[in-house]
């Protein structure tokens, strides 16, 4: 039974990765089109599912006020989450927000 559960978890993980990647690409395209509020929502949904790059984008958009009211405290929260999720790209954002 344990092996079957592990196999199912592995299959779900492999299946979910391309879906998340596609959703991330969609969010990037929406951002590039200028629909910042919608892009923020798409990135935020991915960020809540522990996508480090989406968390970094939420942090950056929150720091800049792109599609959301500018808020350094919330931006710092998301930048730290991105860093803890393994996004080393969050380091410059953290340095900027902390100073």
C-alpha atoms as a PDB file:
ATOM      1  CA  UNK A   1       0.000   0.000   0.000  1.00  0.00           C
ATOM      2  CA  UNK A   2       2.808   2.449   0.885  1.00  0.00           C
ATOM      3  CA  UNK A   3       4.543   1.811  -2.432  1.00  0.00           C
ATOM      4  CA  UNK A   4       1.312   2.423  -4.307  1.00  0.00           C
ATOM      5  CA  UNK A   5       0.817   5.751  -2.507  1.00  0.00           C
ATOM      6  CA  UNK A   6       4.396   6.766  -3.270  1.00  0.00           C
ATOM      7  CA  UNK A   7       3.873   5.895  -6.937  1.00  0.00           C
ATOM      8  CA  UNK A   8       0.657   7.909  -7.047  1.00  0.00           C
ATOM      9  CA  UNK A   9       2.347  10.889  -5.400  1.00  0.00           C
ATOM     10  CA  UNK A  10       5.190  10.715  -7.925  1.00  0.00           C
ATOM     11  CA  UNK A  11       2.754  10.605 -10.850  1.00  0.00           C
ATOM     12  CA  UNK A  12       0.788  13.571  -9.471  1.00  0.00           C
ATOM     13  CA  UNK A  13       4.009  15.529  -8.950  1.00  0.00           C
ATOM     14  CA  UNK A  14       5.183  14.869 -12.500  1.00  0.00           C
ATOM     15  CA  UNK A  15       1.752  15.736 -13.873  1.00  0.00           C
ATOM     16  CA  UNK A  16       1.445  18.947 -11.865  1.00  0.00           C
ATOM     17  CA  UNK A  17       4.835  20.401 -12.856  1.00  0.00           C
ATOM     18  CA  UNK A  18       3.972  21.096 -16.521  1.00  0.00           C
ATOM     19  CA  UNK A  19       0.588  22.501 -15.517  1.00  0.00           C
ATOM     20  CA  UNK A  20       2.238  24.939 -13.111  1.00  0.00           C
ATOM     21  CA  UNK A  21       4.841  25.843 -15.726  1.00  0.00           C
ATOM     22  CA  UNK A  22       2.077  26.554 -18.238  1.00  0.00           C
ATOM     23  CA  UNK A  23       0.220  28.668 -15.706  1.00  0.00           C
ATOM     24  CA  UNK A  24       3.404  30.604 -14.928  1.00  0.00           C
ATOM     25  CA  UNK A  25       3.968  31.285 -18.639  1.00  0.00           C
ATOM     26  CA  UNK A  26       0.373  32.449 -18.940  1.00  0.00           C
ATOM     27  CA  UNK A  27       0.882  34.846 -16.014  1.00  0.00           C
ATOM     28  CA  UNK A  28       4.032  36.222 -17.676  1.00  0.00           C
ATOM     29  CA  UNK A  29       2.171  36.731 -20.958  1.00  0.00           C
ATOM     30  CA  UNK A  30      -0.680  38.502 -19.160  1.00  0.00           C
ATOM     31  CA  UNK A  31       1.831  40.749 -17.382  1.00  0.00           C
ATOM     32  CA  UNK A  32       3.541  41.589 -20.675  1.00  0.00           C
ATOM     33  CA  UNK A  33       0.165  42.449 -22.202  1.00  0.00           C
ATOM     34  CA  UNK A  34      -0.292  45.100 -19.503  1.00  0.00           C
ATOM     35  CA  UNK A  35      -3.147  43.497 -17.562  1.00  0.00           C
ATOM     36  CA  UNK A  36      -1.316  43.872 -14.252  1.00  0.00           C
ATOM     37  CA  UNK A  37      -4.215  43.125 -11.912  1.00  0.00           C
ATOM     38  CA  UNK A  38      -4.977  39.855 -13.668  1.00  0.00           C
ATOM     39  CA  UNK A  39      -1.276  38.937 -13.807  1.00  0.00           C
ATOM     40  CA  UNK A  40      -0.963  39.617 -10.085  1.00  0.00           C
ATOM     41  CA  UNK A  41      -3.885  37.277  -9.404  1.00  0.00           C
ATOM     42  CA  UNK A  42      -2.366  34.521 -11.529  1.00  0.00           C
ATOM     43  CA  UNK A  43       1.055  34.871  -9.899  1.00  0.00           C
ATOM     44  CA  UNK A  44      -0.543  35.019  -6.450  1.00  0.00           C
ATOM     45  CA  UNK A  45      -2.378  31.721  -6.988  1.00  0.00           C
ATOM     46  CA  UNK A  46       0.888  30.058  -7.968  1.00  0.00           C
ATOM     47  CA  UNK A  47       2.712  31.740  -5.082  1.00  0.00           C
ATOM     48  CA  UNK A  48       0.253  30.265  -2.607  1.00  0.00           C
ATOM     49  CA  UNK A  49       1.195  26.848  -4.009  1.00  0.00           C
ATOM     50  CA  UNK A  50       4.861  27.462  -3.100  1.00  0.00           C
ATOM     51  CA  UNK A  51       6.102  28.445  -6.566  1.00  0.00           C
ATOM     52  CA  UNK A  52       9.240  30.423  -5.684  1.00  0.00           C
ATOM     53  CA  UNK A  53       9.430  32.428  -8.894  1.00  0.00           C
ATOM     54  CA  UNK A  54       5.750  33.325  -8.649  1.00  0.00           C
ATOM     55  CA  UNK A  55       6.374  34.405  -5.042  1.00  0.00           C
ATOM     56  CA  UNK A  56       9.216  36.611  -6.261  1.00  0.00           C
ATOM     57  CA  UNK A  57       6.968  38.137  -8.922  1.00  0.00           C
ATOM     58  CA  UNK A  58       4.290  38.813  -6.309  1.00  0.00           C
ATOM     59  CA  UNK A  59       6.949  40.466  -4.127  1.00  0.00           C
ATOM     60  CA  UNK A  60       8.201  42.625  -6.988  1.00  0.00           C
ATOM     61  CA  UNK A  61       4.735  43.610  -8.148  1.00  0.00           C
ATOM     62  CA  UNK A  62       3.726  44.445  -4.568  1.00  0.00           C
ATOM     63  CA  UNK A  63       6.880  46.525  -4.038  1.00  0.00           C
ATOM     64  CA  UNK A  64       6.228  48.445  -7.255  1.00  0.00           C
ATOM     65  CA  UNK A  65       2.464  48.681  -6.925  1.00  0.00           C
ATOM     66  CA  UNK A  66       1.881  46.823 -10.202  1.00  0.00           C
ATOM     67  CA  UNK A  67      -1.702  45.587 -10.234  1.00  0.00           C
ATOM     68  CA  UNK A  68      -2.013  45.988  -6.473  1.00  0.00           C
ATOM     69  CA  UNK A  69      -1.589  48.734  -3.896  1.00  0.00           C
ATOM     70  CA  UNK A  70       2.116  49.212  -3.167  1.00  0.00           C
ATOM     71  CA  UNK A  71       3.067  47.683   0.191  1.00  0.00           C
ATOM     72  CA  UNK A  72       6.688  47.120   1.245  1.00  0.00           C
ATOM     73  CA  UNK A  73       5.728  44.955   4.228  1.00  0.00           C
ATOM     74  CA  UNK A  74       3.807  42.484   2.047  1.00  0.00           C
ATOM     75  CA  UNK A  75       6.536  42.635  -0.601  1.00  0.00           C
ATOM     76  CA  UNK A  76       9.115  41.674   2.012  1.00  0.00           C
ATOM     77  CA  UNK A  77       6.931  38.777   3.172  1.00  0.00           C
ATOM     78  CA  UNK A  78       6.687  37.370  -0.371  1.00  0.00           C
ATOM     79  CA  UNK A  79      10.369  37.967  -1.093  1.00  0.00           C
ATOM     80  CA  UNK A  80      11.319  35.940   1.998  1.00  0.00           C
ATOM     81  CA  UNK A  81       8.917  33.172   1.002  1.00  0.00           C
ATOM     82  CA  UNK A  82      10.492  33.117  -2.455  1.00  0.00           C
ATOM     83  CA  UNK A  83      13.958  32.849  -0.937  1.00  0.00           C
ATOM     84  CA  UNK A  84      12.886  30.066   1.431  1.00  0.00           C
ATOM     85  CA  UNK A  85      11.350  28.270  -1.558  1.00  0.00           C
ATOM     86  CA  UNK A  86      14.793  28.262  -3.163  1.00  0.00           C
ATOM     87  CA  UNK A  87      14.584  31.248  -5.510  1.00  0.00           C
ATOM     88  CA  UNK A  88      18.074  32.726  -5.234  1.00  0.00           C
ATOM     89  CA  UNK A  89      16.876  35.534  -7.513  1.00  0.00           C
ATOM     90  CA  UNK A  90      15.046  36.912  -4.467  1.00  0.00           C
ATOM     91  CA  UNK A  91      18.290  38.007  -2.796  1.00  0.00           C
ATOM     92  CA  UNK A  92      18.611  41.392  -4.595  1.00  0.00           C
ATOM     93  CA  UNK A  93      14.917  42.084  -3.956  1.00  0.00           C
ATOM     94  CA  UNK A  94      15.376  41.323  -0.270  1.00  0.00           C
ATOM     95  CA  UNK A  95      18.424  43.582  -0.072  1.00  0.00           C
ATOM     96  CA  UNK A  96      16.476  46.377  -1.712  1.00  0.00           C
ATOM     97  CA  UNK A  97      13.460  46.000   0.572  1.00  0.00           C
ATOM     98  CA  UNK A  98      15.502  45.696   3.758  1.00  0.00           C
ATOM     99  CA  UNK A  99      17.596  48.820   3.183  1.00  0.00           C
END
